[in-house]
Amino acid sequence: MRSWTSPVVPRIEGAASEQPVRVRDSSTGELVHLGAGRDEISMYVCGITPYDATHLGHAATYLLFDQLQRACIDAGKTVHYVQNVTDVDDPLLERAVQTGQSWTEIAERETQLFREDMAALRVIAPAAYIGAVEAIPDIVQAIEALRERGAAYDLDGDIYFSVTAARDFGEVSRLPVEEMVRLSAERGGDPDRPGKKDPLDPLLWRSKREGEPAWDSSLGHGRPGWHIECSAIAMKQLGATIDVQGGGDDLVFPHHEMSAAHAEAVTGRHPFARVYLHQAMVGYDGEKMSKSRGNLVLVSKLRGSGVDPMAIRLALLGHSHAVAWEWHDEEIDAAVDRLGRWQAATARPAAAPVETLVADLRLALRDGLDTVTALDAVDRWAATEGTDPAAPAAAAIAVDALLGIR
């Protein structure tokens, strides 16, 4: 599957900072030095299920990992970034039934709109952008490996993963079993299905149902489950152990817990991911912004109304990724004003030197991806008079490189 065109990330002149990139691991709550002693970072971020357009909650998630890429690039590291598209799954098939459109038509249309939104927001594209459908051979291979290891079993033609085969199951989310069962039922699982060895056992392969797409394989005629999709793609593209597994924080359980369990059962390697990084939920009208609730603020509609995508990016970066927050429509006006102040400052014939600005940006972003503090640093620089004729252009480069704001 093709990705979108990445923006050019400029290089900041001068000596690079020795400060390490640290992120807060969702599993432990601790700040972790990312890629200590290594020049390469591997990152897998769960992509969209393309049954509707990109909303601001999605955008906040992919901006978080764009900020991580930028911080790593500035620190001299190479990032191997992989993202999937769940282009066959229950929500997509349900939308096809509701609208009378083919599921493939919906998936293609919404994936293209997502590409356009990401390009407009100047998000660095993944090196590998993989759809579930094109990954079916790799998914089948992973399921066969689980079968060989005694970690999978058949149930009325379907294939399930046995969570008891994962020695470290529960380490990602650190939730009590009762909460896991509740969330499993809420987020696509089937804990009440009769015949399962454990209520938490997730589906690996769903046998053909009437009216649903299916593929021939050594597992029978059917389609893959959700969690094994990401495990198989990540293992194929990045290997047995990756540096970062990421997405929205509603993926911590069951998705990332199950994906790690699958991968570790296949490879015998622990941990699957050295760091888990998540974007907290974005709300609107008093509830989590989600397609199922319909309380969406769409990136494409904001762009279509004439809002500068850089203002959308600024509005989202003005909130911590670690704390849930609620979108208010007036936030876009404040972001437009902020963008205007920055543009005016970088258009001046001279300005304050940028050394302090660059140092402040690096300090904020490399220490937990603190975009709120980073934006405040640019505000301070923009409000300060100066006489350095090279400063406006240098500041524009730094803000572009580190914050993705052009």
Protein backbone atom coordinates (compact mmCIF):
# COMPACT_ATOMS: atom_id res chain seq x y z
CA MET A 1 0.00 0.00 0.00
CA ARG A 2 1.36 3.41 -0.88
CA SER A 3 1.92 6.02 1.78
CA TRP A 4 1.85 9.81 1.40
CA THR A 5 4.69 12.17 0.50
CA SER A 6 6.77 13.19 3.50
CA PRO A 7 7.63 16.82 4.14
CA VAL A 8 11.26 17.83 3.95
CA VAL A 9 12.65 18.07 7.49
CA PRO A 10 15.31 20.80 7.54
CA ARG A 11 18.55 20.47 9.47
CA ILE A 12 19.25 22.85 12.32
CA GLU A 13 22.66 24.47 11.93
CA GLY A 14 25.16 24.26 14.76
CA ALA A 15 26.20 21.59 17.21
CA ALA A 16 23.66 18.89 17.94
CA SER A 17 22.51 18.47 21.52
CA GLU A 18 23.80 15.46 23.45
CA GLN A 19 20.55 15.29 25.40
CA PRO A 20 18.90 11.86 25.02
CA VAL A 21 15.36 11.39 23.75
CA ARG A 22 13.18 10.19 26.62
CA VAL A 23 9.53 9.16 26.44
CA ARG A 24 7.10 8.11 29.13
CA ASP A 25 6.41 4.39 28.91
CA SER A 26 2.67 3.76 29.21
CA SER A 27 3.28 0.40 30.89
CA THR A 28 5.45 1.66 33.75
CA GLY A 29 4.80 5.40 33.82
CA GLU A 30 8.56 5.97 33.78
CA LEU A 31 10.62 8.19 31.49
CA VAL A 32 12.73 5.87 29.35
CA HIS A 33 15.85 6.71 27.35
CA LEU A 34 14.87 5.68 23.83
CA GLY A 35 17.48 3.79 21.83
CA ALA A 36 20.27 4.19 24.38
CA GLY A 37 23.59 3.39 22.73
CA ARG A 38 22.02 2.77 19.33
CA ASP A 39 21.67 4.93 16.23
CA GLU A 40 18.47 3.31 14.91
CA ILE A 41 14.94 3.31 16.32
CA SER A 42 12.17 0.95 15.21
CA MET A 43 8.60 2.17 15.66
CA TYR A 44 5.26 0.55 14.91
CA VAL A 45 2.12 2.68 15.19
CA CYS A 46 -1.35 1.24 14.75
CA GLY A 47 -3.14 2.91 11.88
CA ILE A 48 -6.75 3.59 11.03
CA THR A 49 -9.66 1.32 10.31
CA PRO A 50 -10.85 3.29 7.27
CA TYR A 51 -14.59 3.41 7.65
CA ASP A 52 -14.80 7.18 8.24
CA ALA A 53 -12.71 10.33 7.95
CA THR A 54 -9.79 11.44 10.12
CA HIS A 55 -10.94 13.20 13.28
CA LEU A 56 -8.87 15.30 15.67
CA GLY A 57 -8.31 12.35 18.00
CA HIS A 58 -6.66 10.48 15.14
CA ALA A 59 -4.66 13.53 14.16
CA ALA A 60 -3.40 14.04 17.73
CA THR A 61 -2.17 10.44 17.78
CA TYR A 62 -0.21 10.62 14.55
CA LEU A 63 1.19 14.03 15.45
CA LEU A 64 2.56 12.51 18.67
CA PHE A 65 4.59 9.99 16.73
CA ASP A 66 5.59 12.60 14.18
CA GLN A 67 6.99 14.65 17.07
CA LEU A 68 8.87 11.59 18.25
CA GLN A 69 10.34 11.07 14.79
CA ARG A 70 11.43 14.70 14.63
CA ALA A 71 13.07 14.54 18.05
CA CYS A 72 14.92 11.36 17.08
CA ILE A 73 16.03 12.74 13.71
CA ASP A 74 17.34 15.89 15.41
CA ALA A 75 19.24 13.64 17.84
CA GLY A 76 20.97 11.95 14.91
CA LYS A 77 18.97 8.71 14.93
CA THR A 78 17.45 6.87 12.00
CA VAL A 79 13.80 5.92 12.53
CA HIS A 80 12.34 2.81 10.91
CA TYR A 81 8.63 3.61 11.06
CA VAL A 82 5.87 1.18 10.12
CA GLN A 83 2.14 1.83 10.19
CA ASN A 84 -0.74 -0.45 9.23
CA VAL A 85 -4.21 0.08 7.81
CA THR A 86 -6.90 -2.29 9.08
CA ASP A 87 -8.60 -2.40 5.70
CA VAL A 88 -10.83 -5.36 6.57
CA ASP A 89 -12.56 -5.60 9.95
CA ASP A 90 -16.02 -5.62 11.50
CA PRO A 91 -16.54 -1.81 11.72
CA LEU A 92 -15.72 -1.42 8.04
CA LEU A 93 -18.03 -4.25 7.02
CA GLU A 94 -20.81 -2.86 9.20
CA ARG A 95 -20.43 0.57 7.56
CA ALA A 96 -20.69 -1.07 4.14
CA VAL A 97 -24.00 -2.68 5.13
CA GLN A 98 -25.31 0.64 6.54
CA THR A 99 -24.42 2.65 3.44
CA GLY A 100 -24.93 0.07 0.70
CA GLN A 101 -21.40 0.71 -0.56
CA SER A 102 -18.74 -1.94 -1.03
CA TRP A 103 -16.30 -2.26 1.87
CA THR A 104 -13.37 -1.95 -0.54
CA GLU A 105 -14.72 1.32 -1.94
CA ILE A 106 -15.11 2.78 1.56
CA ALA A 107 -11.64 1.63 2.61
CA GLU A 108 -9.96 3.08 -0.47
CA ARG A 109 -11.78 6.40 -0.19
CA GLU A 110 -11.14 6.93 3.51
CA THR A 111 -7.53 5.78 3.33
CA GLN A 112 -6.90 8.32 0.58
CA LEU A 113 -8.52 11.05 2.66
CA PHE A 114 -6.31 10.06 5.59
CA ARG A 115 -3.23 10.36 3.36
CA GLU A 116 -4.32 13.84 2.32
CA ASP A 117 -4.92 14.91 5.92
CA MET A 118 -1.51 13.61 7.04
CA ALA A 119 0.26 15.34 4.17
CA ALA A 120 -1.53 18.61 4.94
CA LEU A 121 -0.50 18.37 8.62
CA ARG A 122 3.10 17.71 7.49
CA VAL A 123 3.36 14.34 9.19
CA ILE A 124 6.42 12.32 8.21
CA ALA A 125 5.18 9.26 6.35
CA PRO A 126 5.99 5.72 7.50
CA ALA A 127 8.67 3.90 5.54
CA ALA A 128 6.25 0.98 5.26
CA TYR A 129 2.48 1.49 5.10
CA ILE A 130 0.87 -1.94 5.12
CA GLY A 131 -2.76 -2.94 4.72
CA ALA A 132 -4.17 -5.97 6.53
CA VAL A 133 -5.35 -7.48 3.24
CA GLU A 134 -1.90 -7.38 1.65
CA ALA A 135 -0.40 -8.79 4.86
CA ILE A 136 -2.65 -11.89 4.95
CA PRO A 137 0.18 -14.27 3.90
CA ASP A 138 2.33 -12.99 6.78
CA ILE A 139 -0.62 -13.21 9.19
CA VAL A 140 -1.32 -16.80 8.16
CA GLN A 141 2.34 -17.67 8.70
CA ALA A 142 2.25 -16.17 12.21
CA ILE A 143 -0.90 -18.10 13.09
CA GLU A 144 0.63 -21.33 11.81
CA ALA A 145 3.64 -20.66 14.05
CA LEU A 146 1.33 -20.21 17.03
CA ARG A 147 -0.38 -23.49 16.21
CA GLU A 148 2.97 -25.28 16.05
CA ARG A 149 3.84 -23.91 19.50
CA GLY A 150 0.55 -25.05 20.99
CA ALA A 151 -0.58 -21.45 21.50
CA ALA A 152 -3.65 -21.64 19.24
CA TYR A 153 -6.74 -23.83 19.09
CA ASP A 154 -9.77 -24.37 16.87
CA LEU A 155 -13.32 -23.53 17.90
CA ASP A 156 -16.14 -24.27 15.46
CA GLY A 157 -13.93 -23.46 12.50
CA ASP A 158 -12.41 -20.32 14.02
CA ILE A 159 -8.91 -20.16 15.50
CA TYR A 160 -8.18 -18.59 18.88
CA PHE A 161 -5.01 -17.67 20.74
CA SER A 162 -4.56 -19.09 24.22
CA VAL A 163 -3.46 -16.30 26.55
CA THR A 164 -2.03 -18.87 28.94
CA ALA A 165 0.68 -19.48 26.32
CA ALA A 166 1.98 -15.95 26.89
CA ARG A 167 4.19 -16.04 29.98
CA ASP A 168 4.15 -12.27 30.42
CA PHE A 169 0.51 -11.64 29.51
CA GLY A 170 -0.81 -8.62 31.39
CA GLU A 171 2.51 -6.81 31.59
CA VAL A 172 1.57 -4.15 29.01
CA SER A 173 -1.69 -2.94 30.55
CA ARG A 174 -1.18 -4.12 34.16
CA LEU A 175 -4.94 -4.42 34.61
CA PRO A 176 -6.87 -6.80 36.86
CA VAL A 177 -8.51 -9.69 35.04
CA GLU A 178 -12.03 -8.37 35.71
CA GLU A 179 -11.18 -5.10 33.96
CA MET A 180 -9.59 -6.96 31.07
CA VAL A 181 -12.77 -8.96 30.56
CA ARG A 182 -14.90 -5.81 30.66
CA LEU A 183 -12.70 -4.00 28.14
CA SER A 184 -12.50 -7.05 25.91
CA ALA A 185 -16.29 -7.10 25.57
CA GLU A 186 -16.34 -3.35 24.96
CA ARG A 187 -13.53 -3.30 22.40
CA GLY A 188 -14.24 -6.05 19.93
CA GLY A 189 -13.61 -9.20 21.95
CA ASP A 190 -16.01 -12.03 22.72
CA PRO A 191 -15.32 -13.10 26.32
CA ASP A 192 -18.74 -14.76 26.63
CA ARG A 193 -18.37 -17.09 23.65
CA PRO A 194 -18.97 -20.69 24.76
CA GLY A 195 -16.15 -23.15 24.24
CA LYS A 196 -13.24 -20.75 24.69
CA LYS A 197 -10.50 -21.97 27.01
CA ASP A 198 -10.26 -18.52 28.62
CA PRO A 199 -12.69 -15.58 28.27
CA LEU A 200 -9.76 -13.37 27.23
CA ASP A 201 -8.56 -15.60 24.38
CA PRO A 202 -8.64 -13.44 21.22
CA LEU A 203 -9.64 -14.46 17.71
CA LEU A 204 -6.78 -15.18 15.30
CA TRP A 205 -8.71 -16.34 12.23
CA ARG A 206 -12.44 -16.02 11.54
CA SER A 207 -13.89 -18.63 9.23
CA LYS A 208 -16.07 -17.54 6.34
CA ARG A 209 -19.48 -16.09 7.26
CA GLU A 210 -22.28 -15.38 4.83
CA GLY A 211 -21.87 -11.96 3.20
CA GLU A 212 -18.35 -11.40 4.52
CA PRO A 213 -15.10 -11.33 2.54
CA ALA A 214 -12.78 -14.30 2.98
CA TRP A 215 -9.44 -15.55 1.68
CA ASP A 216 -8.24 -19.06 1.00
CA SER A 217 -5.30 -20.17 3.13
CA SER A 218 -3.84 -23.14 4.96
CA LEU A 219 -6.08 -22.06 7.85
CA GLY A 220 -9.24 -22.43 5.78
CA HIS A 221 -11.45 -19.90 4.04
CA GLY A 222 -11.69 -16.81 6.26
CA ARG A 223 -10.09 -13.56 7.39
CA PRO A 224 -7.67 -12.47 10.12
CA GLY A 225 -8.40 -11.22 13.59
CA TRP A 226 -7.41 -7.72 14.60
CA HIS A 227 -4.51 -8.20 17.04
CA ILE A 228 -2.55 -10.75 15.02
CA GLU A 229 -2.59 -8.33 12.08
CA CYS A 230 -0.32 -5.86 13.85
CA SER A 231 1.89 -8.56 15.38
CA ALA A 232 2.54 -10.14 12.00
CA ILE A 233 3.21 -6.86 10.20
CA ALA A 234 5.54 -5.59 12.93
CA MET A 235 7.51 -8.84 13.08
CA LYS A 236 7.81 -9.00 9.30
CA GLN A 237 8.93 -5.40 8.91
CA LEU A 238 10.88 -4.72 12.12
CA GLY A 239 11.86 -8.04 13.71
CA ALA A 240 11.17 -9.80 16.99
CA THR A 241 11.76 -6.79 19.24
CA ILE A 242 10.88 -3.21 18.44
CA ASP A 243 11.68 0.02 20.24
CA VAL A 244 8.25 1.68 20.25
CA GLN A 245 4.70 0.36 19.96
CA GLY A 246 2.20 3.19 19.80
CA GLY A 247 -1.31 4.44 19.19
CA GLY A 248 -4.24 5.89 21.08
CA ASP A 249 -4.52 4.88 24.73
CA ASP A 250 -7.70 2.90 24.03
CA LEU A 251 -5.38 0.39 22.34
CA VAL A 252 -3.43 -0.46 25.48
CA PHE A 253 -5.95 -3.22 26.16
CA PRO A 254 -6.78 -5.41 24.47
CA HIS A 255 -4.94 -4.55 21.27
CA HIS A 256 -1.39 -3.89 22.40
CA GLU A 257 -1.55 -6.46 25.17
CA MET A 258 -2.66 -9.12 22.69
CA SER A 259 -0.28 -8.04 19.93
CA ALA A 260 2.66 -8.37 22.32
CA ALA A 261 1.43 -11.76 23.53
CA HIS A 262 1.15 -13.05 19.95
CA ALA A 263 4.60 -11.83 18.95
CA GLU A 264 6.30 -13.15 22.07
CA ALA A 265 4.63 -16.54 21.67
CA VAL A 266 5.82 -16.74 18.05
CA THR A 267 9.41 -15.63 18.63
CA GLY A 268 10.05 -16.63 22.23
CA ARG A 269 11.48 -13.15 22.74
CA HIS A 270 10.49 -10.74 25.51
CA PRO A 271 9.64 -7.91 25.40
CA PHE A 272 7.98 -7.37 22.06
CA ALA A 273 8.30 -3.60 22.52
CA ARG A 274 10.84 -1.85 24.71
CA VAL A 275 8.53 1.15 25.11
CA TYR A 276 4.78 1.67 24.81
CA LEU A 277 3.70 5.21 23.98
CA HIS A 278 0.09 6.36 23.78
CA GLN A 279 -1.95 9.43 23.01
CA ALA A 280 -4.64 10.21 25.59
CA MET A 281 -8.20 10.51 24.34
CA VAL A 282 -9.57 13.72 22.88
CA GLY A 283 -13.14 14.53 23.83
CA TYR A 284 -15.87 16.68 22.34
CA ASP A 285 -19.30 17.57 23.74
CA GLY A 286 -18.50 15.80 26.98
CA GLU A 287 -17.52 12.41 25.53
CA LYS A 288 -14.53 10.76 23.91
CA MET A 289 -14.35 11.76 20.26
CA SER A 290 -15.15 8.60 18.31
CA LYS A 291 -16.80 7.39 15.15
CA SER A 292 -19.26 5.22 17.06
CA ARG A 293 -20.55 8.23 19.02
CA GLY A 294 -20.54 10.51 15.99
CA ASN A 295 -19.11 13.46 17.95
CA LEU A 296 -16.35 14.12 15.46
CA VAL A 297 -14.39 17.16 14.45
CA LEU A 298 -12.89 16.18 11.10
CA VAL A 299 -9.53 17.41 9.86
CA SER A 300 -10.80 17.45 6.28
CA LYS A 301 -13.78 19.64 7.18
CA LEU A 302 -11.58 22.11 9.02
CA ARG A 303 -9.28 22.24 6.02
CA GLY A 304 -12.22 22.57 3.68
CA SER A 305 -13.51 25.56 5.64
CA GLY A 306 -10.24 27.37 4.95
CA VAL A 307 -8.38 26.69 8.22
CA ASP A 308 -4.61 26.59 7.71
CA PRO A 309 -3.45 23.01 8.48
CA MET A 310 -0.59 24.54 10.47
CA ALA A 311 -3.15 26.08 12.81
CA ILE A 312 -4.78 22.65 13.24
CA ARG A 313 -1.39 21.20 14.08
CA LEU A 314 -0.68 24.01 16.54
CA ALA A 315 -4.03 23.55 18.25
CA LEU A 316 -3.36 19.86 18.82
CA LEU A 317 0.25 20.33 19.94
CA GLY A 318 -1.03 22.78 22.54
CA HIS A 319 -2.17 19.83 24.69
CA SER A 320 -0.12 17.20 26.49
CA HIS A 321 -0.31 13.77 24.86
CA ALA A 322 -0.37 12.17 28.30
CA VAL A 323 -3.57 13.80 29.59
CA ALA A 324 -7.08 13.40 28.18
CA TRP A 325 -8.60 16.68 27.07
CA GLU A 326 -11.69 18.10 25.40
CA TRP A 327 -11.75 20.03 22.16
CA HIS A 328 -13.53 23.39 22.11
CA ASP A 329 -14.26 25.06 18.79
CA GLU A 330 -12.65 28.34 19.83
CA GLU A 331 -9.29 26.59 20.12
CA ILE A 332 -8.80 26.88 16.40
CA ASP A 333 -9.14 30.67 16.62
CA ALA A 334 -6.45 30.82 19.30
CA ALA A 335 -4.19 28.63 17.15
CA VAL A 336 -4.72 30.86 14.11
CA ASP A 337 -3.72 33.86 16.23
CA ARG A 338 -0.63 32.06 17.54
CA LEU A 339 0.40 31.03 14.04
CA GLY A 340 0.01 34.63 12.90
CA ARG A 341 2.33 35.86 15.67
CA TRP A 342 4.95 33.29 14.73
CA GLN A 343 4.70 34.14 11.04
CA ALA A 344 5.05 37.84 11.78
CA ALA A 345 8.11 37.21 13.96
CA THR A 346 9.88 35.14 11.31
CA ALA A 347 9.08 37.78 8.66
CA ARG A 348 10.88 40.57 10.56
CA PRO A 349 14.21 41.87 9.21
CA ALA A 350 15.88 40.99 12.52
CA ALA A 351 15.00 39.20 15.74
CA ALA A 352 16.41 37.79 18.96
CA PRO A 353 19.12 35.11 18.60
CA VAL A 354 17.80 31.58 18.33
CA GLU A 355 20.30 29.63 20.47
CA THR A 356 18.09 29.77 23.55
CA LEU A 357 15.00 28.92 21.49
CA VAL A 358 16.62 25.84 19.96
CA ALA A 359 17.91 24.70 23.35
CA ASP A 360 14.48 25.15 24.93
CA LEU A 361 12.74 23.28 22.12
CA ARG A 362 15.15 20.37 22.36
CA LEU A 363 14.89 20.24 26.13
CA ALA A 364 11.10 20.12 26.04
CA LEU A 365 10.71 17.66 23.20
CA ARG A 366 13.45 15.24 24.18
CA ASP A 367 12.22 15.08 27.76
CA GLY A 368 8.83 13.43 27.37
CA LEU A 369 7.67 15.10 24.13
CA ASP A 370 6.43 18.15 26.02
CA THR A 371 4.89 20.08 23.14
CA VAL A 372 3.08 22.52 25.46
CA THR A 373 6.38 23.82 26.85
CA ALA A 374 7.89 23.83 23.37
CA LEU A 375 5.13 26.08 22.00
CA ASP A 376 5.58 28.43 24.95
CA ALA A 377 9.28 28.71 24.06
CA VAL A 378 8.42 29.85 20.54
CA ASP A 379 5.91 32.35 21.96
CA ARG A 380 8.65 33.86 24.14
CA TRP A 381 11.05 34.15 21.23
CA ALA A 382 8.38 35.70 18.97
CA ALA A 383 7.57 38.32 21.62
CA THR A 384 11.22 39.34 22.09
CA GLU A 385 12.80 42.08 20.01
CA GLY A 386 16.31 41.59 18.67
CA THR A 387 18.89 42.74 16.17
CA ASP A 388 20.13 39.50 14.64
CA PRO A 389 19.29 39.54 10.91
CA ALA A 390 19.84 35.79 10.59
CA ALA A 391 17.51 34.92 13.47
CA PRO A 392 14.11 35.00 11.71
CA ALA A 393 15.13 32.44 9.10
CA ALA A 394 16.96 30.30 11.68
CA ALA A 395 13.92 30.30 13.95
CA ALA A 396 11.66 29.27 11.06
CA ILE A 397 13.97 26.33 10.32
CA ALA A 398 14.06 25.24 13.96
CA VAL A 399 10.28 25.43 14.34
CA ASP A 400 9.81 23.51 11.11
CA ALA A 401 12.36 20.82 12.00
CA LEU A 402 11.26 20.24 15.57
CA LEU A 403 7.55 21.11 15.57
CA GLY A 404 6.58 20.54 11.94
CA ILE A 405 5.14 24.05 11.68
CA ARG A 406 6.01 25.82 8.46
